[in-house]
Structures are given as structure tokens and as C-alpha cells.
Amino acid sequence: MLNELGQKSNEADEYKAKYYESLERENSLLRDRLMFKSQNLQKSTRLSESEKKNIINLYKSGLSQAEICRKTSRSDTAVRNTIRNAL
């Protein structure tokens, strides 16, 4: 009986180690994604007229503000203000 409990304990430890490894991989991927996203966002630069027209066209074509942000690498605020000013 003690042998069985020892085996179960070892199995639980192995499962826990695998779980922690998967969490670390997921955290690493999320950190990489965040770094990539923050590098792609342009900060403190005004939108050009062509960018504004592109944002308006994307909005009229049915894309959401979040999708436009991803496509144009612009902040949510810049996209939202451009759409609001155009309407």
C-alpha cells in the first residue's frame, strides 16, 4: 500500500512538473507576443492623410476597430479618433 502511494506521489510530481513547463512555455509565448506588438505600434506620430483614408476605408469595409489597429499598427485611440472625426 505504501508502495502504491509512493508511485501515485511520483506520478503527481511528474504531472505537476509537466504542467509548470507548459505554463512557462505559454508565458514565454505571451511575453514574445507582447514585445512584438509593442515594437510594431507607432508612438507619438501623427497620422498621414493616406493613413486616415486607409483607416476610414477599412472601417467602411466592415472591419472592427481592433482589426484596423492590428492591420495598421496604430493605437486604438488613433483609430477611434480618426473614425469619429470622419463621421
C-alpha atoms as a PDB file:
ATOM      1  CA  MET A   1       0.000   0.000   0.000  1.00  0.00           C
ATOM      2  CA  LEU A   2       2.831   2.421   0.828  1.00  0.00           C
ATOM      3  CA  ASN A   3       4.467   1.471  -2.441  1.00  0.00           C
ATOM      4  CA  GLU A   4       1.274   2.407  -4.328  1.00  0.00           C
ATOM      5  CA  LEU A   5       1.084   5.740  -2.510  1.00  0.00           C
ATOM      6  CA  GLY A   6       4.718   6.440  -3.365  1.00  0.00           C
ATOM      7  CA  GLN A   7       4.016   5.668  -7.011  1.00  0.00           C
ATOM      8  CA  LYS A   8       0.951   7.953  -7.024  1.00  0.00           C
ATOM      9  CA  SER A   9       3.029  10.698  -5.410  1.00  0.00           C
ATOM     10  CA  ASN A  10       5.691  10.342  -8.115  1.00  0.00           C
ATOM     11  CA  GLU A  11       3.030  10.470 -10.834  1.00  0.00           C
ATOM     12  CA  ALA A  12       1.571  13.610  -9.274  1.00  0.00           C
ATOM     13  CA  ASP A  13       5.026  15.202  -9.149  1.00  0.00           C
ATOM     14  CA  GLU A  14       5.630  14.372 -12.827  1.00  0.00           C
ATOM     15  CA  TYR A  15       2.239  15.782 -13.791  1.00  0.00           C
ATOM     16  CA  LYS A  16       2.949  18.951 -11.795  1.00  0.00           C
ATOM     17  CA  ALA A  17       6.354  19.379 -13.469  1.00  0.00           C
ATOM     18  CA  LYS A  18       4.804  19.000 -16.936  1.00  0.00           C
ATOM     19  CA  TYR A  19       2.070  21.468 -16.017  1.00  0.00           C
ATOM     20  CA  TYR A  20       4.613  24.045 -14.831  1.00  0.00           C
ATOM     21  CA  GLU A  21       6.641  23.550 -18.015  1.00  0.00           C
ATOM     22  CA  SER A  22       3.559  24.194 -20.142  1.00  0.00           C
ATOM     23  CA  LEU A  23       2.780  27.323 -18.125  1.00  0.00           C
ATOM     24  CA  GLU A  24       6.318  28.588 -18.643  1.00  0.00           C
ATOM     25  CA  ARG A  25       6.070  27.968 -22.407  1.00  0.00           C
ATOM     26  CA  GLU A  26       2.747  29.791 -22.561  1.00  0.00           C
ATOM     27  CA  ASN A  27       4.116  32.727 -20.547  1.00  0.00           C
ATOM     28  CA  SER A  28       7.131  32.895 -22.816  1.00  0.00           C
ATOM     29  CA  LEU A  29       4.919  32.977 -25.916  1.00  0.00           C
ATOM     30  CA  LEU A  30       2.743  35.680 -24.399  1.00  0.00           C
ATOM     31  CA  ARG A  31       5.799  37.756 -23.479  1.00  0.00           C
ATOM     32  CA  ASP A  32       7.140  37.397 -27.038  1.00  0.00           C
ATOM     33  CA  ARG A  33       3.775  38.399 -28.494  1.00  0.00           C
ATOM     34  CA  LEU A  34       3.587  41.438 -26.217  1.00  0.00           C
ATOM     35  CA  MET A  35       7.114  42.524 -27.143  1.00  0.00           C
ATOM     36  CA  PHE A  36       6.342  42.117 -30.855  1.00  0.00           C
ATOM     37  CA  LYS A  37       3.101  44.039 -30.517  1.00  0.00           C
ATOM     38  CA  SER A  38       4.661  46.921 -28.605  1.00  0.00           C
ATOM     39  CA  GLN A  39       7.504  47.159 -31.133  1.00  0.00           C
ATOM     40  CA  ASN A  40       5.054  47.388 -34.021  1.00  0.00           C
ATOM     41  CA  LEU A  41       2.940  50.167 -32.563  1.00  0.00           C
ATOM     42  CA  GLN A  42       3.995  53.572 -33.756  1.00  0.00           C
ATOM     43  CA  LYS A  43       4.011  56.060 -30.918  1.00  0.00           C
ATOM     44  CA  SER A  44       3.563  59.799 -30.899  1.00  0.00           C
ATOM     45  CA  THR A  45       3.473  60.278 -34.643  1.00  0.00           C
ATOM     46  CA  ARG A  46       0.612  61.927 -36.414  1.00  0.00           C
ATOM     47  CA  LEU A  47      -1.399  60.011 -38.943  1.00  0.00           C
ATOM     48  CA  SER A  48      -0.801  60.963 -42.529  1.00  0.00           C
ATOM     49  CA  GLU A  49      -3.755  61.728 -44.773  1.00  0.00           C
ATOM     50  CA  SER A  50      -3.239  58.434 -46.603  1.00  0.00           C
ATOM     51  CA  GLU A  51      -3.285  56.544 -43.280  1.00  0.00           C
ATOM     52  CA  LYS A  52      -6.508  58.297 -42.297  1.00  0.00           C
ATOM     53  CA  LYS A  53      -8.104  57.416 -45.634  1.00  0.00           C
ATOM     54  CA  ASN A  54      -6.929  53.815 -45.263  1.00  0.00           C
ATOM     55  CA  ILE A  55      -8.445  53.584 -41.757  1.00  0.00           C
ATOM     56  CA  ILE A  56     -11.761  55.016 -42.988  1.00  0.00           C
ATOM     57  CA  ASN A  57     -11.832  52.594 -45.940  1.00  0.00           C
ATOM     58  CA  LEU A  58     -11.093  49.635 -43.672  1.00  0.00           C
ATOM     59  CA  TYR A  59     -13.856  50.752 -41.293  1.00  0.00           C
ATOM     60  CA  LYS A  60     -16.332  51.139 -44.168  1.00  0.00           C
ATOM     61  CA  SER A  61     -15.412  47.673 -45.411  1.00  0.00           C
ATOM     62  CA  GLY A  62     -16.655  46.251 -42.109  1.00  0.00           C
ATOM     63  CA  LEU A  63     -13.520  45.698 -40.049  1.00  0.00           C
ATOM     64  CA  SER A  64     -13.686  46.316 -36.318  1.00  0.00           C
ATOM     65  CA  GLN A  65     -11.529  48.945 -34.647  1.00  0.00           C
ATOM     66  CA  ALA A  66      -9.350  46.224 -33.113  1.00  0.00           C
ATOM     67  CA  GLU A  67      -8.759  44.633 -36.522  1.00  0.00           C
ATOM     68  CA  ILE A  68      -7.886  48.020 -38.008  1.00  0.00           C
ATOM     69  CA  CYS A  69      -5.397  48.615 -35.180  1.00  0.00           C
ATOM     70  CA  ARG A  70      -3.691  45.313 -35.946  1.00  0.00           C
ATOM     71  CA  LYS A  71      -3.604  45.915 -39.695  1.00  0.00           C
ATOM     72  CA  THR A  72      -2.313  49.481 -39.472  1.00  0.00           C
ATOM     73  CA  SER A  73      -0.115  49.062 -36.374  1.00  0.00           C
ATOM     74  CA  ARG A  74      -1.772  52.099 -34.862  1.00  0.00           C
ATOM     75  CA  SER A  75      -3.173  52.590 -31.387  1.00  0.00           C
ATOM     76  CA  ASP A  76      -6.822  52.155 -30.535  1.00  0.00           C
ATOM     77  CA  THR A  77      -7.046  55.853 -29.680  1.00  0.00           C
ATOM     78  CA  ALA A  78      -5.669  56.970 -33.056  1.00  0.00           C
ATOM     79  CA  VAL A  79      -8.028  54.683 -34.959  1.00  0.00           C
ATOM     80  CA  ARG A  80     -11.041  55.612 -32.834  1.00  0.00           C
ATOM     81  CA  ASN A  81     -10.391  59.352 -33.192  1.00  0.00           C
ATOM     82  CA  THR A  82      -9.918  59.061 -36.955  1.00  0.00           C
ATOM     83  CA  ILE A  83     -13.209  57.210 -37.344  1.00  0.00           C
ATOM     84  CA  ARG A  84     -15.023  59.603 -35.009  1.00  0.00           C
ATOM     85  CA  ASN A  85     -13.718  62.685 -36.857  1.00  0.00           C
ATOM     86  CA  ALA A  86     -14.717  61.245 -40.216  1.00  0.00           C
ATOM     87  CA  LEU A  87     -18.329  60.565 -39.212  1.00  0.00           C
END
